[in-house]
Each structure stands twice: as structure tokens, then as C-alpha cells.
Amino acid sequence: RIRPLPWFFRGLVWTSLIFGIEGGTGTLLKMIIGRCPWDYTGTPLAAWGGTIRLDYAPLWFGVGLGFEQLHDLLHRIRISL
């Protein structure tokens, strides 16, 4: 659904989604078991109760766009079989 958007905006969407999943899952784990395995509390640019690090944004931006390329490759392989 986001493919028609320019690559920069798609990267921002991916970054937001990944942060949302990471932060939401970390918060849920803290509620259920009392801790999050990737607790970033006390590190620079930690946010959302220590469940995400804002300095990871460029990494998640690239990973999201990389997921699109992997999806396209797998789709081409499936079609050619």
C-alpha cells in the first residue's frame, strides 16, 4: 500500500512500524514478565520507557527498504517457478 510513495516516505513508514513493534512488544514484556530483554534505559536517545533507541532510526529505515527488495526478489522467484 505504501509502494506509490517516494522512497524517503516509505523509509519513514517502515521506521515507524518497526519502532512501534519494538516499543509495543518491549512494553508488553515489561508488563507480563517485568523486564524487556533489550532494555535501553540509560543509553543515549533511549525512548518509550527504554524499549527503543532513536539512534537506531537510520538502521530501521534501511532495513525496511531492504525488506521491500527482499519481497520483490521472492515474488520474482515464485513467479518464475
PDB file of N, CA and C in Angstrom:
ATOM      1  N   ARG A   1       0.800  -1.203   0.000  1.00  0.00           N
ATOM      2  CA  ARG A   1       0.000   0.000   0.000  1.00  0.00           C
ATOM      3  C   ARG A   1       0.843   1.268   0.000  1.00  0.00           C
ATOM      4  N   ILE A   2       2.086   1.149   0.465  1.00  0.00           N
ATOM      5  CA  ILE A   2       2.918   2.359   0.525  1.00  0.00           C
ATOM      6  C   ILE A   2       3.847   2.466  -0.685  1.00  0.00           C
ATOM      7  N   ARG A   3       3.834   1.492  -1.567  1.00  0.00           N
ATOM      8  CA  ARG A   3       4.738   1.500  -2.718  1.00  0.00           C
ATOM      9  C   ARG A   3       4.646   2.751  -3.585  1.00  0.00           C
ATOM     10  N   PRO A   4       3.460   3.333  -3.787  1.00  0.00           N
ATOM     11  CA  PRO A   4       3.416   4.540  -4.627  1.00  0.00           C
ATOM     12  C   PRO A   4       4.132   5.749  -4.009  1.00  0.00           C
ATOM     13  N   LEU A   5       4.410   5.708  -2.714  1.00  0.00           N
ATOM     14  CA  LEU A   5       5.085   6.826  -2.053  1.00  0.00           C
ATOM     15  C   LEU A   5       6.550   6.881  -2.454  1.00  0.00           C
ATOM     16  N   PRO A   6       7.159   8.060  -2.422  1.00  0.00           N
ATOM     17  CA  PRO A   6       8.608   8.157  -2.658  1.00  0.00           C
ATOM     18  C   PRO A   6       9.376   7.342  -1.606  1.00  0.00           C
ATOM     19  N   TRP A   7      10.559   6.894  -1.963  1.00  0.00           N
ATOM     20  CA  TRP A   7      11.344   6.003  -1.099  1.00  0.00           C
ATOM     21  C   TRP A   7      11.578   6.589   0.284  1.00  0.00           C
ATOM     22  N   PHE A   8      11.774   7.914   0.370  1.00  0.00           N
ATOM     23  CA  PHE A   8      12.050   8.523   1.661  1.00  0.00           C
ATOM     24  C   PHE A   8      10.857   8.365   2.609  1.00  0.00           C
ATOM     25  N   PHE A   9       9.667   8.575   2.102  1.00  0.00           N
ATOM     26  CA  PHE A   9       8.481   8.451   2.944  1.00  0.00           C
ATOM     27  C   PHE A   9       8.200   6.989   3.304  1.00  0.00           C
ATOM     28  N   ARG A  10       8.484   6.080   2.363  1.00  0.00           N
ATOM     29  CA  ARG A  10       8.338   4.654   2.681  1.00  0.00           C
ATOM     30  C   ARG A  10       9.307   4.269   3.799  1.00  0.00           C
ATOM     31  N   GLY A  11      10.529   4.787   3.759  1.00  0.00           N
ATOM     32  CA  GLY A  11      11.502   4.513   4.818  1.00  0.00           C
ATOM     33  C   GLY A  11      11.021   5.015   6.165  1.00  0.00           C
ATOM     34  N   LEU A  12      10.394   6.193   6.176  1.00  0.00           N
ATOM     35  CA  LEU A  12       9.843   6.722   7.431  1.00  0.00           C
ATOM     36  C   LEU A  12       8.703   5.848   7.949  1.00  0.00           C
ATOM     37  N   VAL A  13       7.880   5.349   7.046  1.00  0.00           N
ATOM     38  CA  VAL A  13       6.790   4.448   7.455  1.00  0.00           C
ATOM     39  C   VAL A  13       7.370   3.175   8.064  1.00  0.00           C
ATOM     40  N   TRP A  14       8.351   2.589   7.395  1.00  0.00           N
ATOM     41  CA  TRP A  14       8.983   1.368   7.923  1.00  0.00           C
ATOM     42  C   TRP A  14       9.609   1.619   9.288  1.00  0.00           C
ATOM     43  N   THR A  15      10.319   2.730   9.426  1.00  0.00           N
ATOM     44  CA  THR A  15      10.954   3.065  10.702  1.00  0.00           C
ATOM     45  C   THR A  15       9.907   3.171  11.800  1.00  0.00           C
ATOM     46  N   SER A  16       8.818   3.847  11.516  1.00  0.00           N
ATOM     47  CA  SER A  16       7.740   3.998  12.494  1.00  0.00           C
ATOM     48  C   SER A  16       7.128   2.655  12.870  1.00  0.00           C
ATOM     49  N   LEU A  17       6.888   1.815  11.876  1.00  0.00           N
ATOM     50  CA  LEU A  17       6.312   0.495  12.155  1.00  0.00           C
ATOM     51  C   LEU A  17       7.246  -0.365  13.008  1.00  0.00           C
ATOM     52  N   ILE A  18       8.511  -0.365  12.657  1.00  0.00           N
ATOM     53  CA  ILE A  18       9.476  -1.170  13.414  1.00  0.00           C
ATOM     54  C   ILE A  18       9.602  -0.645  14.838  1.00  0.00           C
ATOM     55  N   PHE A  19       9.690   0.679  15.002  1.00  0.00           N
ATOM     56  CA  PHE A  19       9.726   1.251  16.349  1.00  0.00           C
ATOM     57  C   PHE A  19       8.456   0.896  17.114  1.00  0.00           C
ATOM     58  N   GLY A  20       7.314   0.950  16.457  1.00  0.00           N
ATOM     59  CA  GLY A  20       6.060   0.604  17.112  1.00  0.00           C
ATOM     60  C   GLY A  20       6.020  -0.830  17.587  1.00  0.00           C
ATOM     61  N   ILE A  21       6.498  -1.740  16.744  1.00  0.00           N
ATOM     62  CA  ILE A  21       6.534  -3.160  17.124  1.00  0.00           C
ATOM     63  C   ILE A  21       7.532  -3.379  18.249  1.00  0.00           C
ATOM     64  N   GLU A  22       8.719  -2.797  18.123  1.00  0.00           N
ATOM     65  CA  GLU A  22       9.754  -2.964  19.152  1.00  0.00           C
ATOM     66  C   GLU A  22       9.310  -2.355  20.483  1.00  0.00           C
ATOM     67  N   GLY A  23       8.778  -1.140  20.439  1.00  0.00           N
ATOM     68  CA  GLY A  23       8.340  -0.476  21.663  1.00  0.00           C
ATOM     69  C   GLY A  23       7.133  -1.144  22.286  1.00  0.00           C
ATOM     70  N   GLY A  24       6.178  -1.519  21.447  1.00  0.00           N
ATOM     71  CA  GLY A  24       4.981  -2.181  21.952  1.00  0.00           C
ATOM     72  C   GLY A  24       5.281  -3.545  22.555  1.00  0.00           C
ATOM     73  N   THR A  25       6.108  -4.321  21.868  1.00  0.00           N
ATOM     74  CA  THR A  25       6.485  -5.635  22.379  1.00  0.00           C
ATOM     75  C   THR A  25       7.293  -5.507  23.662  1.00  0.00           C
ATOM     76  N   GLY A  26       8.225  -4.568  23.706  1.00  0.00           N
ATOM     77  CA  GLY A  26       9.024  -4.356  24.913  1.00  0.00           C
ATOM     78  C   GLY A  26       8.165  -3.950  26.098  1.00  0.00           C
ATOM     79  N   THR A  27       7.207  -3.060  25.846  1.00  0.00           N
ATOM     80  CA  THR A  27       6.297  -2.627  26.912  1.00  0.00           C
ATOM     81  C   THR A  27       5.449  -3.791  27.392  1.00  0.00           C
ATOM     82  N   LEU A  28       4.946  -4.586  26.471  1.00  0.00           N
ATOM     83  CA  LEU A  28       4.136  -5.753  26.827  1.00  0.00           C
ATOM     84  C   LEU A  28       4.944  -6.752  27.656  1.00  0.00           C
ATOM     85  N   LEU A  29       6.183  -6.994  27.253  1.00  0.00           N
ATOM     86  CA  LEU A  29       7.042  -7.897  28.021  1.00  0.00           C
ATOM     87  C   LEU A  29       7.296  -7.370  29.428  1.00  0.00           C
ATOM     88  N   LYS A  30       7.496  -6.052  29.541  1.00  0.00           N
ATOM     89  CA  LYS A  30       7.686  -5.465  30.876  1.00  0.00           C
ATOM     90  C   LYS A  30       6.454  -5.662  31.736  1.00  0.00           C
ATOM     91  N   MET A  31       5.280  -5.568  31.136  1.00  0.00           N
ATOM     92  CA  MET A  31       4.045  -5.761  31.892  1.00  0.00           C
ATOM     93  C   MET A  31       3.855  -7.220  32.306  1.00  0.00           C
ATOM     94  N   ILE A  32       4.218  -8.155  31.428  1.00  0.00           N
ATOM     95  CA  ILE A  32       3.972  -9.578  31.682  1.00  0.00           C
ATOM     96  C   ILE A  32       5.047 -10.214  32.546  1.00  0.00           C
ATOM     97  N   ILE A  33       6.320 -10.019  32.170  1.00  0.00           N
ATOM     98  CA  ILE A  33       7.392 -10.696  32.906  1.00  0.00           C
ATOM     99  C   ILE A  33       8.249  -9.753  33.747  1.00  0.00           C
ATOM    100  N   GLY A  34       7.970  -8.454  33.630  1.00  0.00           N
ATOM    101  CA  GLY A  34       8.671  -7.496  34.473  1.00  0.00           C
ATOM    102  C   GLY A  34       9.955  -6.932  33.901  1.00  0.00           C
ATOM    103  N   ARG A  35      10.340  -7.371  32.719  1.00  0.00           N
ATOM    104  CA  ARG A  35      11.546  -6.824  32.102  1.00  0.00           C
ATOM    105  C   ARG A  35      11.505  -7.020  30.594  1.00  0.00           C
ATOM    106  N   CYS A  36      12.349  -6.255  29.927  1.00  0.00           N
ATOM    107  CA  CYS A  36      12.470  -6.332  28.472  1.00  0.00           C
ATOM    108  C   CYS A  36      13.913  -6.746  28.162  1.00  0.00           C
ATOM    109  N   PRO A  37      14.115  -7.806  27.384  1.00  0.00           N
ATOM    110  CA  PRO A  37      15.477  -8.267  27.097  1.00  0.00           C
ATOM    111  C   PRO A  37      16.368  -7.214  26.437  1.00  0.00           C
ATOM    112  N   TRP A  38      15.788  -6.273  25.715  1.00  0.00           N
ATOM    113  CA  TRP A  38      16.566  -5.227  25.061  1.00  0.00           C
ATOM    114  C   TRP A  38      16.351  -3.877  25.734  1.00  0.00           C
ATOM    115  N   ASP A  39      16.453  -3.844  27.033  1.00  0.00           N
ATOM    116  CA  ASP A  39      16.220  -2.622  27.799  1.00  0.00           C
ATOM    117  C   ASP A  39      17.343  -1.613  27.551  1.00  0.00           C
ATOM    118  N   TYR A  40      16.999  -0.501  26.922  1.00  0.00           N
ATOM    119  CA  TYR A  40      17.974   0.538  26.584  1.00  0.00           C
ATOM    120  C   TYR A  40      17.997   1.671  27.612  1.00  0.00           C
ATOM    121  N   THR A  41      17.333   1.495  28.732  1.00  0.00           N
ATOM    122  CA  THR A  41      17.292   2.542  29.750  1.00  0.00           C
ATOM    123  C   THR A  41      18.710   2.973  30.104  1.00  0.00           C
ATOM    124  N   GLY A  42      18.945   4.283  30.123  1.00  0.00           N
ATOM    125  CA  GLY A  42      20.256   4.815  30.475  1.00  0.00           C
ATOM    126  C   GLY A  42      21.185   4.994  29.295  1.00  0.00           C
ATOM    127  N   THR A  43      20.785   4.545  28.112  1.00  0.00           N
ATOM    128  CA  THR A  43      21.623   4.748  26.931  1.00  0.00           C
ATOM    129  C   THR A  43      21.197   6.034  26.229  1.00  0.00           C
ATOM    130  N   PRO A  44      22.088   6.615  25.450  1.00  0.00           N
ATOM    131  CA  PRO A  44      21.734   7.842  24.748  1.00  0.00           C
ATOM    132  C   PRO A  44      20.544   7.624  23.801  1.00  0.00           C
ATOM    133  N   LEU A  45      19.645   8.564  23.779  1.00  0.00           N
ATOM    134  CA  LEU A  45      18.486   8.576  22.893  1.00  0.00           C
ATOM    135  C   LEU A  45      17.504   7.426  23.119  1.00  0.00           C
ATOM    136  N   ALA A  46      17.513   6.851  24.324  1.00  0.00           N
ATOM    137  CA  ALA A  46      16.502   5.837  24.652  1.00  0.00           C
ATOM    138  C   ALA A  46      15.148   6.525  24.771  1.00  0.00           C
ATOM    139  N   ALA A  47      14.103   5.826  24.353  1.00  0.00           N
ATOM    140  CA  ALA A  47      12.749   6.380  24.402  1.00  0.00           C
ATOM    141  C   ALA A  47      11.766   5.255  24.702  1.00  0.00           C
ATOM    142  N   TRP A  48      10.525   5.645  24.911  1.00  0.00           N
ATOM    143  CA  TRP A  48       9.419   4.718  25.155  1.00  0.00           C
ATOM    144  C   TRP A  48       9.750   3.756  26.291  1.00  0.00           C
ATOM    145  N   GLY A  49      10.181   4.335  27.409  1.00  0.00           N
ATOM    146  CA  GLY A  49      10.493   3.535  28.586  1.00  0.00           C
ATOM    147  C   GLY A  49      11.716   2.655  28.426  1.00  0.00           C
ATOM    148  N   GLY A  50      12.616   3.026  27.543  1.00  0.00           N
ATOM    149  CA  GLY A  50      13.839   2.246  27.334  1.00  0.00           C
ATOM    150  C   GLY A  50      13.666   1.093  26.371  1.00  0.00           C
ATOM    151  N   THR A  51      12.535   1.042  25.653  1.00  0.00           N
ATOM    152  CA  THR A  51      12.308  -0.086  24.742  1.00  0.00           C
ATOM    153  C   THR A  51      12.774   0.191  23.318  1.00  0.00           C
ATOM    154  N   ILE A  52      13.070   1.444  22.991  1.00  0.00           N
ATOM    155  CA  ILE A  52      13.619   1.765  21.671  1.00  0.00           C
ATOM    156  C   ILE A  52      14.773   2.757  21.821  1.00  0.00           C
ATOM    157  N   ARG A  53      15.615   2.788  20.808  1.00  0.00           N
ATOM    158  CA  ARG A  53      16.694   3.788  20.738  1.00  0.00           C
ATOM    159  C   ARG A  53      16.533   4.572  19.452  1.00  0.00           C
ATOM    160  N   LEU A  54      16.375   5.870  19.598  1.00  0.00           N
ATOM    161  CA  LEU A  54      16.143   6.716  18.437  1.00  0.00           C
ATOM    162  C   LEU A  54      17.340   6.751  17.486  1.00  0.00           C
ATOM    163  N   ASP A  55      18.545   6.477  18.006  1.00  0.00           N
ATOM    164  CA  ASP A  55      19.710   6.474  17.119  1.00  0.00           C
ATOM    165  C   ASP A  55      19.729   5.247  16.200  1.00  0.00           C
ATOM    166  N   TYR A  56      18.820   4.305  16.409  1.00  0.00           N
ATOM    167  CA  TYR A  56      18.687   3.162  15.508  1.00  0.00           C
ATOM    168  C   TYR A  56      17.805   3.486  14.302  1.00  0.00           C
ATOM    169  N   ALA A  57      17.219   4.677  14.262  1.00  0.00           N
ATOM    170  CA  ALA A  57      16.307   5.045  13.177  1.00  0.00           C
ATOM    171  C   ALA A  57      16.927   4.850  11.788  1.00  0.00           C
ATOM    172  N   PRO A  58      18.170   5.280  11.539  1.00  0.00           N
ATOM    173  CA  PRO A  58      18.732   5.051  10.197  1.00  0.00           C
ATOM    174  C   PRO A  58      18.840   3.562   9.849  1.00  0.00           C
ATOM    175  N   LEU A  59      19.161   2.744  10.828  1.00  0.00           N
ATOM    176  CA  LEU A  59      19.241   1.302  10.593  1.00  0.00           C
ATOM    177  C   LEU A  59      17.875   0.757  10.194  1.00  0.00           C
ATOM    178  N   TRP A  60      16.839   1.091  10.970  1.00  0.00           N
ATOM    179  CA  TRP A  60      15.496   0.572  10.674  1.00  0.00           C
ATOM    180  C   TRP A  60      14.973   1.126   9.354  1.00  0.00           C
ATOM    181  N   PHE A  61      15.343   2.350   9.022  1.00  0.00           N
ATOM    182  CA  PHE A  61      14.989   2.950   7.739  1.00  0.00           C
ATOM    183  C   PHE A  61      15.510   2.064   6.602  1.00  0.00           C
ATOM    184  N   GLY A  62      16.799   1.720   6.675  1.00  0.00           N
ATOM    185  CA  GLY A  62      17.412   0.885   5.647  1.00  0.00           C
ATOM    186  C   GLY A  62      16.883  -0.539   5.645  1.00  0.00           C
ATOM    187  N   VAL A  63      16.655  -1.090   6.822  1.00  0.00           N
ATOM    188  CA  VAL A  63      16.122  -2.453   6.914  1.00  0.00           C
ATOM    189  C   VAL A  63      14.746  -2.524   6.264  1.00  0.00           C
ATOM    190  N   GLY A  64      13.911  -1.533   6.530  1.00  0.00           N
ATOM    191  CA  GLY A  64      12.575  -1.520   5.934  1.00  0.00           C
ATOM    192  C   GLY A  64      12.626  -1.488   4.417  1.00  0.00           C
ATOM    193  N   LEU A  65      13.465  -0.620   3.866  1.00  0.00           N
ATOM    194  CA  LEU A  65      13.597  -0.568   2.412  1.00  0.00           C
ATOM    195  C   LEU A  65      14.229  -1.855   1.879  1.00  0.00           C
ATOM    196  N   GLY A  66      15.101  -2.468   2.666  1.00  0.00           N
ATOM    197  CA  GLY A  66      15.675  -3.761   2.282  1.00  0.00           C
ATOM    198  C   GLY A  66      14.621  -4.860   2.259  1.00  0.00           C
ATOM    199  N   PHE A  67      13.657  -4.809   3.190  1.00  0.00           N
ATOM    200  CA  PHE A  67      12.542  -5.766   3.183  1.00  0.00           C
ATOM    201  C   PHE A  67      11.765  -5.684   1.867  1.00  0.00           C
ATOM    202  N   GLU A  68      11.602  -4.466   1.352  1.00  0.00           N
ATOM    203  CA  GLU A  68      10.903  -4.314   0.078  1.00  0.00           C
ATOM    204  C   GLU A  68      11.658  -5.027  -1.045  1.00  0.00           C
ATOM    205  N   GLN A  69      12.974  -4.867  -1.050  1.00  0.00           N
ATOM    206  CA  GLN A  69      13.777  -5.524  -2.088  1.00  0.00           C
ATOM    207  C   GLN A  69      13.715  -7.045  -1.959  1.00  0.00           C
ATOM    208  N   LEU A  70      13.772  -7.541  -0.731  1.00  0.00           N
ATOM    209  CA  LEU A  70      13.655  -8.985  -0.496  1.00  0.00           C
ATOM    210  C   LEU A  70      12.291  -9.481  -0.942  1.00  0.00           C
ATOM    211  N   HIS A  71      11.249  -8.751  -0.631  1.00  0.00           N
ATOM    212  CA  HIS A  71       9.897  -9.113  -1.064  1.00  0.00           C
ATOM    213  C   HIS A  71       9.834  -9.220  -2.579  1.00  0.00           C
ATOM    214  N   ASP A  72      10.394  -8.220  -3.273  1.00  0.00           N
ATOM    215  CA  ASP A  72      10.378  -8.225  -4.737  1.00  0.00           C
ATOM    216  C   ASP A  72      11.136  -9.431  -5.292  1.00  0.00           C
ATOM    217  N   LEU A  73      12.281  -9.741  -4.721  1.00  0.00           N
ATOM    218  CA  LEU A  73      13.074 -10.887  -5.157  1.00  0.00           C
ATOM    219  C   LEU A  73      12.299 -12.184  -4.966  1.00  0.00           C
ATOM    220  N   LEU A  74      11.733 -12.384  -3.789  1.00  0.00           N
ATOM    221  CA  LEU A  74      10.963 -13.601  -3.529  1.00  0.00           C
ATOM    222  C   LEU A  74       9.753 -13.705  -4.433  1.00  0.00           C
ATOM    223  N   HIS A  75       9.134 -12.579  -4.737  1.00  0.00           N
ATOM    224  CA  HIS A  75       7.988 -12.570  -5.633  1.00  0.00           C
ATOM    225  C   HIS A  75       8.416 -12.983  -7.044  1.00  0.00           C
ATOM    226  N   ARG A  76       9.551 -12.470  -7.517  1.00  0.00           N
ATOM    227  CA  ARG A  76      10.054 -12.847  -8.846  1.00  0.00           C
ATOM    228  C   ARG A  76      10.407 -14.332  -8.895  1.00  0.00           C
ATOM    229  N   ILE A  77      11.011 -14.853  -7.832  1.00  0.00           N
ATOM    230  CA  ILE A  77      11.370 -16.277  -7.792  1.00  0.00           C
ATOM    231  C   ILE A  77      10.117 -17.134  -7.836  1.00  0.00           C
ATOM    232  N   ARG A  78       9.101 -16.748  -7.072  1.00  0.00           N
ATOM    233  CA  ARG A  78       7.859 -17.535  -7.010  1.00  0.00           C
ATOM    234  C   ARG A  78       7.175 -17.540  -8.382  1.00  0.00           C
ATOM    235  N   ILE A  79       7.174 -16.403  -9.037  1.00  0.00           N
ATOM    236  CA  ILE A  79       6.511 -16.308 -10.353  1.00  0.00           C
ATOM    237  C   ILE A  79       7.250 -17.139 -11.396  1.00  0.00           C
ATOM    238  N   SER A  80       8.576 -17.192 -11.301  1.00  0.00           N
ATOM    239  CA  SER A  80       9.352 -17.913 -12.315  1.00  0.00           C
ATOM    240  C   SER A  80       9.325 -19.424 -12.110  1.00  0.00           C
ATOM    241  N   LEU A  81       8.853 -19.904 -10.977  1.00  0.00           N
ATOM    242  CA  LEU A  81       8.815 -21.358 -10.748  1.00  0.00           C
ATOM    243  C   LEU A  81       7.677 -21.960 -11.438  1.00  0.00           C
TER     244      LEU A  81
END
